[in-house]
PDB file of N, CA and C in Angstrom:
ATOM      1  N   UNK A   1       0.553  12.561  -4.666  1.00  0.00           N
ATOM      2  CA  UNK A   1       0.427  11.204  -4.168  1.00  0.00           C
ATOM      3  C   UNK A   1       1.469  10.990  -3.082  1.00  0.00           C
ATOM      4  N   UNK A   2       1.035  10.507  -1.940  1.00  0.00           N
ATOM      5  CA  UNK A   2       1.934  10.187  -0.831  1.00  0.00           C
ATOM      6  C   UNK A   2       2.288   8.708  -0.882  1.00  0.00           C
ATOM      7  N   UNK A   3       3.489   8.379  -0.375  1.00  0.00           N
ATOM      8  CA  UNK A   3       3.906   6.984  -0.321  1.00  0.00           C
ATOM      9  C   UNK A   3       4.420   6.676   1.079  1.00  0.00           C
ATOM     10  N   UNK A   4       4.194   5.428   1.494  1.00  0.00           N
ATOM     11  CA  UNK A   4       4.670   4.940   2.791  1.00  0.00           C
ATOM     12  C   UNK A   4       5.285   3.572   2.574  1.00  0.00           C
ATOM     13  N   UNK A   5       6.470   3.358   3.111  1.00  0.00           N
ATOM     14  CA  UNK A   5       7.135   2.060   2.992  1.00  0.00           C
ATOM     15  C   UNK A   5       6.801   1.223   4.221  1.00  0.00           C
ATOM     16  N   UNK A   6       6.346  -0.013   3.990  1.00  0.00           N
ATOM     17  CA  UNK A   6       5.965  -0.921   5.074  1.00  0.00           C
ATOM     18  C   UNK A   6       6.871  -2.146   5.000  1.00  0.00           C
ATOM     19  N   UNK A   7       7.597  -2.405   6.073  1.00  0.00           N
ATOM     20  CA  UNK A   7       8.485  -3.569   6.119  1.00  0.00           C
ATOM     21  C   UNK A   7       7.682  -4.821   6.447  1.00  0.00           C
ATOM     22  N   UNK A   8       7.853  -5.858   5.634  1.00  0.00           N
ATOM     23  CA  UNK A   8       7.161  -7.132   5.840  1.00  0.00           C
ATOM     24  C   UNK A   8       8.175  -8.266   5.743  1.00  0.00           C
ATOM     25  N   UNK A   9       7.724  -9.449   6.093  1.00  0.00           N
ATOM     26  CA  UNK A   9       8.568 -10.637   5.983  1.00  0.00           C
ATOM     27  C   UNK A   9       7.836 -11.647   5.105  1.00  0.00           C
ATOM     28  N   UNK A  10       8.569 -12.199   4.115  1.00  0.00           N
ATOM     29  CA  UNK A  10       7.994 -13.193   3.211  1.00  0.00           C
ATOM     30  C   UNK A  10       7.912 -14.560   3.854  1.00  0.00           C
ATOM     31  N   UNK A  11       7.312 -15.495   3.140  1.00  0.00           N
ATOM     32  CA  UNK A  11       7.141 -16.855   3.659  1.00  0.00           C
ATOM     33  C   UNK A  11       8.470 -17.544   3.929  1.00  0.00           C
ATOM     34  N   UNK A  12       9.533 -17.140   3.194  1.00  0.00           N
ATOM     35  CA  UNK A  12      10.852 -17.737   3.390  1.00  0.00           C
ATOM     36  C   UNK A  12      11.710 -16.973   4.397  1.00  0.00           C
ATOM     37  N   UNK A  13      11.139 -15.930   5.037  1.00  0.00           N
ATOM     38  CA  UNK A  13      11.840 -15.189   6.070  1.00  0.00           C
ATOM     39  C   UNK A  13      12.543 -13.926   5.601  1.00  0.00           C
ATOM     40  N   UNK A  14      12.614 -13.697   4.294  1.00  0.00           N
ATOM     41  CA  UNK A  14      13.304 -12.497   3.821  1.00  0.00           C
ATOM     42  C   UNK A  14      12.456 -11.249   4.056  1.00  0.00           C
ATOM     43  N   UNK A  15      13.128 -10.114   4.207  1.00  0.00           N
ATOM     44  CA  UNK A  15      12.439  -8.846   4.411  1.00  0.00           C
ATOM     45  C   UNK A  15      12.021  -8.293   3.050  1.00  0.00           C
ATOM     46  N   UNK A  16      10.752  -7.902   2.945  1.00  0.00           N
ATOM     47  CA  UNK A  16      10.195  -7.372   1.701  1.00  0.00           C
ATOM     48  C   UNK A  16       9.520  -6.046   2.010  1.00  0.00           C
ATOM     49  N   UNK A  17       9.826  -5.018   1.219  1.00  0.00           N
ATOM     50  CA  UNK A  17       9.188  -3.716   1.394  1.00  0.00           C
ATOM     51  C   UNK A  17       7.935  -3.630   0.540  1.00  0.00           C
ATOM     52  N   UNK A  18       6.831  -3.291   1.175  1.00  0.00           N
ATOM     53  CA  UNK A  18       5.571  -3.023   0.481  1.00  0.00           C
ATOM     54  C   UNK A  18       5.392  -1.508   0.494  1.00  0.00           C
ATOM     55  N   UNK A  19       5.011  -0.950  -0.632  1.00  0.00           N
ATOM     56  CA  UNK A  19       4.828   0.495  -0.726  1.00  0.00           C
ATOM     57  C   UNK A  19       3.342   0.805  -0.813  1.00  0.00           C
ATOM     58  N   UNK A  20       2.882   1.655   0.100  1.00  0.00           N
ATOM     59  CA  UNK A  20       1.481   2.084   0.112  1.00  0.00           C
ATOM     60  C   UNK A  20       1.413   3.428  -0.609  1.00  0.00           C
ATOM     61  N   UNK A  21       0.657   3.465  -1.693  1.00  0.00           N
ATOM     62  CA  UNK A  21       0.461   4.687  -2.458  1.00  0.00           C
ATOM     63  C   UNK A  21      -0.891   5.266  -2.065  1.00  0.00           C
ATOM     64  N   UNK A  22      -0.892   6.513  -1.623  1.00  0.00           N
ATOM     65  CA  UNK A  22      -2.137   7.157  -1.232  1.00  0.00           C
ATOM     66  C   UNK A  22      -2.414   8.333  -2.164  1.00  0.00           C
ATOM     67  N   UNK A  23      -3.614   8.370  -2.673  1.00  0.00           N
ATOM     68  CA  UNK A  23      -4.027   9.506  -3.495  1.00  0.00           C
ATOM     69  C   UNK A  23      -4.840  10.455  -2.633  1.00  0.00           C
ATOM     70  N   UNK A  24      -4.855  11.702  -3.031  1.00  0.00           N
ATOM     71  CA  UNK A  24      -5.677  12.692  -2.340  1.00  0.00           C
ATOM     72  C   UNK A  24      -6.715  13.205  -3.323  1.00  0.00           C
ATOM     73  N   UNK A  25      -7.918  13.377  -2.836  1.00  0.00           N
ATOM     74  CA  UNK A  25      -9.024  13.865  -3.656  1.00  0.00           C
ATOM     75  C   UNK A  25      -9.379  15.262  -3.182  1.00  0.00           C
ATOM     76  N   UNK A  26      -9.388  16.189  -4.117  1.00  0.00           N
ATOM     77  CA  UNK A  26      -9.720  17.561  -3.756  1.00  0.00           C
ATOM     78  C   UNK A  26     -11.221  17.676  -3.508  1.00  0.00           C
ATOM     79  N   UNK A  27     -11.582  18.285  -2.393  1.00  0.00           N
ATOM     80  CA  UNK A  27     -12.987  18.457  -2.023  1.00  0.00           C
ATOM     81  C   UNK A  27     -13.272  19.934  -1.744  1.00  0.00           C
ATOM     82  N   UNK A  28     -12.763  20.771  -2.611  1.00  0.00           N
ATOM     83  CA  UNK A  28     -12.928  22.217  -2.417  1.00  0.00           C
ATOM     84  C   UNK A  28     -14.381  22.621  -2.522  1.00  0.00           C
ATOM     85  N   UNK A  29     -14.715  23.627  -1.769  1.00  0.00           N
ATOM     86  CA  UNK A  29     -16.072  24.157  -1.773  1.00  0.00           C
ATOM     87  C   UNK A  29     -16.038  25.633  -1.464  1.00  0.00           C
ATOM     88  N   UNK A  30     -17.137  26.153  -1.039  1.00  0.00           N
ATOM     89  CA  UNK A  30     -17.216  27.574  -0.713  1.00  0.00           C
ATOM     90  C   UNK A  30     -16.319  27.953   0.453  1.00  0.00           C
ATOM     91  N   UNK A  31     -16.032  26.991   1.322  1.00  0.00           N
ATOM     92  CA  UNK A  31     -15.192  27.278   2.490  1.00  0.00           C
ATOM     93  C   UNK A  31     -13.697  27.243   2.153  1.00  0.00           C
ATOM     94  N   UNK A  32     -13.332  26.898   0.942  1.00  0.00           N
ATOM     95  CA  UNK A  32     -11.928  26.870   0.532  1.00  0.00           C
ATOM     96  C   UNK A  32     -11.493  25.491   0.074  1.00  0.00           C
ATOM     97  N   UNK A  33     -10.187  25.371  -0.156  1.00  0.00           N
ATOM     98  CA  UNK A  33      -9.629  24.095  -0.635  1.00  0.00           C
ATOM     99  C   UNK A  33      -9.450  23.129   0.524  1.00  0.00           C
ATOM    100  N   UNK A  34      -9.776  21.886   0.275  1.00  0.00           N
ATOM    101  CA  UNK A  34      -9.520  20.833   1.250  1.00  0.00           C
ATOM    102  C   UNK A  34      -9.339  19.527   0.499  1.00  0.00           C
ATOM    103  N   UNK A  35      -8.829  18.526   1.204  1.00  0.00           N
ATOM    104  CA  UNK A  35      -8.517  17.227   0.599  1.00  0.00           C
ATOM    105  C   UNK A  35      -8.975  16.104   1.513  1.00  0.00           C
ATOM    106  N   UNK A  36      -9.320  14.967   0.908  1.00  0.00           N
ATOM    107  CA  UNK A  36      -9.575  13.737   1.653  1.00  0.00           C
ATOM    108  C   UNK A  36      -8.692  12.657   1.052  1.00  0.00           C
ATOM    109  N   UNK A  37      -8.361  11.675   1.874  1.00  0.00           N
ATOM    110  CA  UNK A  37      -7.535  10.580   1.389  1.00  0.00           C
ATOM    111  C   UNK A  37      -8.370   9.633   0.545  1.00  0.00           C
ATOM    112  N   UNK A  38      -7.853   9.269  -0.631  1.00  0.00           N
ATOM    113  CA  UNK A  38      -8.532   8.318  -1.505  1.00  0.00           C
ATOM    114  C   UNK A  38      -8.154   6.891  -1.139  1.00  0.00           C
ATOM    115  N   UNK A  39      -8.503   5.954  -1.996  1.00  0.00           N
ATOM    116  CA  UNK A  39      -8.173   4.553  -1.758  1.00  0.00           C
ATOM    117  C   UNK A  39      -6.676   4.330  -1.854  1.00  0.00           C
ATOM    118  N   UNK A  40      -6.164   3.434  -1.026  1.00  0.00           N
ATOM    119  CA  UNK A  40      -4.744   3.091  -1.045  1.00  0.00           C
ATOM    120  C   UNK A  40      -4.496   2.011  -2.085  1.00  0.00           C
ATOM    121  N   UNK A  41      -3.304   2.048  -2.659  1.00  0.00           N
ATOM    122  CA  UNK A  41      -2.850   1.022  -3.601  1.00  0.00           C
ATOM    123  C   UNK A  41      -1.514   0.529  -3.081  1.00  0.00           C
ATOM    124  N   UNK A  42      -1.279  -0.784  -3.122  1.00  0.00           N
ATOM    125  CA  UNK A  42      -0.060  -1.376  -2.588  1.00  0.00           C
ATOM    126  C   UNK A  42       0.733  -2.049  -3.694  1.00  0.00           C
ATOM    127  N   UNK A  43       2.069  -1.849  -3.674  1.00  0.00           N
ATOM    128  CA  UNK A  43       2.952  -2.496  -4.646  1.00  0.00           C
ATOM    129  C   UNK A  43       4.243  -2.913  -3.947  1.00  0.00           C
ATOM    130  N   UNK A  44       5.007  -3.750  -4.635  1.00  0.00           N
ATOM    131  CA  UNK A  44       6.381  -4.016  -4.225  1.00  0.00           C
ATOM    132  C   UNK A  44       7.256  -2.940  -4.859  1.00  0.00           C
ATOM    133  N   UNK A  45       8.528  -2.894  -4.506  1.00  0.00           N
ATOM    134  CA  UNK A  45       9.440  -1.885  -5.057  1.00  0.00           C
ATOM    135  C   UNK A  45       9.537  -1.979  -6.578  1.00  0.00           C
ATOM    136  N   UNK A  46       9.355  -3.186  -7.139  1.00  0.00           N
ATOM    137  CA  UNK A  46       9.441  -3.339  -8.598  1.00  0.00           C
ATOM    138  C   UNK A  46       8.120  -3.032  -9.309  1.00  0.00           C
ATOM    139  N   UNK A  47       7.102  -2.612  -8.549  1.00  0.00           N
ATOM    140  CA  UNK A  47       5.810  -2.258  -9.140  1.00  0.00           C
ATOM    141  C   UNK A  47       4.789  -3.384  -9.155  1.00  0.00           C
ATOM    142  N   UNK A  48       5.178  -4.586  -8.717  1.00  0.00           N
ATOM    143  CA  UNK A  48       4.242  -5.711  -8.682  1.00  0.00           C
ATOM    144  C   UNK A  48       3.084  -5.407  -7.741  1.00  0.00           C
ATOM    145  N   UNK A  49       1.886  -5.783  -8.137  1.00  0.00           N
ATOM    146  CA  UNK A  49       0.685  -5.503  -7.347  1.00  0.00           C
ATOM    147  C   UNK A  49       0.636  -6.362  -6.085  1.00  0.00           C
ATOM    148  N   UNK A  50       0.158  -5.749  -5.002  1.00  0.00           N
ATOM    149  CA  UNK A  50       0.012  -6.416  -3.711  1.00  0.00           C
ATOM    150  C   UNK A  50      -1.378  -6.087  -3.171  1.00  0.00           C
ATOM    151  N   UNK A  51      -2.058  -7.083  -2.637  1.00  0.00           N
ATOM    152  CA  UNK A  51      -3.359  -6.864  -1.998  1.00  0.00           C
ATOM    153  C   UNK A  51      -3.191  -6.847  -0.489  1.00  0.00           C
ATOM    154  N   UNK A  52      -3.919  -5.968   0.171  1.00  0.00           N
ATOM    155  CA  UNK A  52      -3.961  -5.981   1.641  1.00  0.00           C
ATOM    156  C   UNK A  52      -4.959  -7.049   2.045  1.00  0.00           C
ATOM    157  N   UNK A  53      -4.553  -7.933   2.951  1.00  0.00           N
ATOM    158  CA  UNK A  53      -5.439  -8.974   3.480  1.00  0.00           C
ATOM    159  C   UNK A  53      -5.471  -8.831   4.996  1.00  0.00           C
ATOM    160  N   UNK A  54      -6.355  -9.549   5.644  1.00  0.00           N
ATOM    161  CA  UNK A  54      -6.589  -9.339   7.077  1.00  0.00           C
ATOM    162  C   UNK A  54      -5.348  -9.473   7.945  1.00  0.00           C
ATOM    163  N   UNK A  55      -4.424 -10.348   7.596  1.00  0.00           N
ATOM    164  CA  UNK A  55      -3.242 -10.561   8.440  1.00  0.00           C
ATOM    165  C   UNK A  55      -1.953 -10.033   7.825  1.00  0.00           C
ATOM    166  N   UNK A  56      -2.047  -9.206   6.799  1.00  0.00           N
ATOM    167  CA  UNK A  56      -0.849  -8.656   6.164  1.00  0.00           C
ATOM    168  C   UNK A  56      -1.117  -8.309   4.711  1.00  0.00           C
ATOM    169  N   UNK A  57      -0.325  -8.919   3.820  1.00  0.00           N
ATOM    170  CA  UNK A  57      -0.427  -8.636   2.389  1.00  0.00           C
ATOM    171  C   UNK A  57      -0.262  -9.917   1.595  1.00  0.00           C
ATOM    172  N   UNK A  58      -0.680  -9.862   0.323  1.00  0.00           N
ATOM    173  CA  UNK A  58      -0.516 -11.002  -0.576  1.00  0.00           C
ATOM    174  C   UNK A  58      -0.063 -10.475  -1.927  1.00  0.00           C
ATOM    175  N   UNK A  59       1.047 -11.037  -2.454  1.00  0.00           N
ATOM    176  CA  UNK A  59       1.544 -10.657  -3.775  1.00  0.00           C
ATOM    177  C   UNK A  59       0.606 -11.270  -4.810  1.00  0.00           C
ATOM    178  N   UNK A  60       0.046 -10.454  -5.683  1.00  0.00           N
ATOM    179  CA  UNK A  60      -0.969 -10.908  -6.629  1.00  0.00           C
ATOM    180  C   UNK A  60      -0.430 -11.989  -7.567  1.00  0.00           C
ATOM    181  N   UNK A  61       0.760 -11.806  -8.118  1.00  0.00           N
ATOM    182  CA  UNK A  61       1.273 -12.729  -9.132  1.00  0.00           C
ATOM    183  C   UNK A  61       1.685 -14.088  -8.582  1.00  0.00           C
ATOM    184  N   UNK A  62       2.060 -14.163  -7.299  1.00  0.00           N
ATOM    185  CA  UNK A  62       2.563 -15.421  -6.735  1.00  0.00           C
ATOM    186  C   UNK A  62       1.718 -15.965  -5.591  1.00  0.00           C
ATOM    187  N   UNK A  63       0.781 -15.167  -5.087  1.00  0.00           N
ATOM    188  CA  UNK A  63      -0.045 -15.524  -3.927  1.00  0.00           C
ATOM    189  C   UNK A  63       0.774 -15.683  -2.643  1.00  0.00           C
ATOM    190  N   UNK A  64       2.013 -15.175  -2.633  1.00  0.00           N
ATOM    191  CA  UNK A  64       2.843 -15.241  -1.435  1.00  0.00           C
ATOM    192  C   UNK A  64       2.292 -14.299  -0.376  1.00  0.00           C
ATOM    193  N   UNK A  65       2.210 -14.785   0.849  1.00  0.00           N
ATOM    194  CA  UNK A  65       1.737 -13.978   1.981  1.00  0.00           C
ATOM    195  C   UNK A  65       2.923 -13.246   2.593  1.00  0.00           C
ATOM    196  N   UNK A  66       2.683 -11.984   2.929  1.00  0.00           N
ATOM    197  CA  UNK A  66       3.680 -11.156   3.587  1.00  0.00           C
ATOM    198  C   UNK A  66       3.090 -10.662   4.901  1.00  0.00           C
ATOM    199  N   UNK A  67       3.846 -10.729   5.987  1.00  0.00           N
ATOM    200  CA  UNK A  67       3.366 -10.255   7.275  1.00  0.00           C
ATOM    201  C   UNK A  67       4.214  -9.062   7.720  1.00  0.00           C
ATOM    202  N   UNK A  68       3.580  -8.110   8.396  1.00  0.00           N
ATOM    203  CA  UNK A  68       4.311  -6.940   8.893  1.00  0.00           C
ATOM    204  C   UNK A  68       5.375  -7.346   9.891  1.00  0.00           C
ATOM    205  N   UNK A  69       6.502  -6.661   9.832  1.00  0.00           N
ATOM    206  CA  UNK A  69       7.614  -6.922  10.764  1.00  0.00           C
ATOM    207  C   UNK A  69       7.344  -6.180  12.045  1.00  0.00           C
TER     208      UNK A  69
END
């Protein structure tokens, strides 16, 4: 599983890190081993769930909007 840290800004102006977790799906066949990227999952550093929305992110538990820095 790969991870990417995305810097965002909360509604009150503080910097919040969103972590993008990427899974890889093995698609091996006769031609050999290969991988494709699976669905991404987003969390805060404490593990709280985050949804990707059209203009940034939204914390599931609080509905706070986060925008990319």
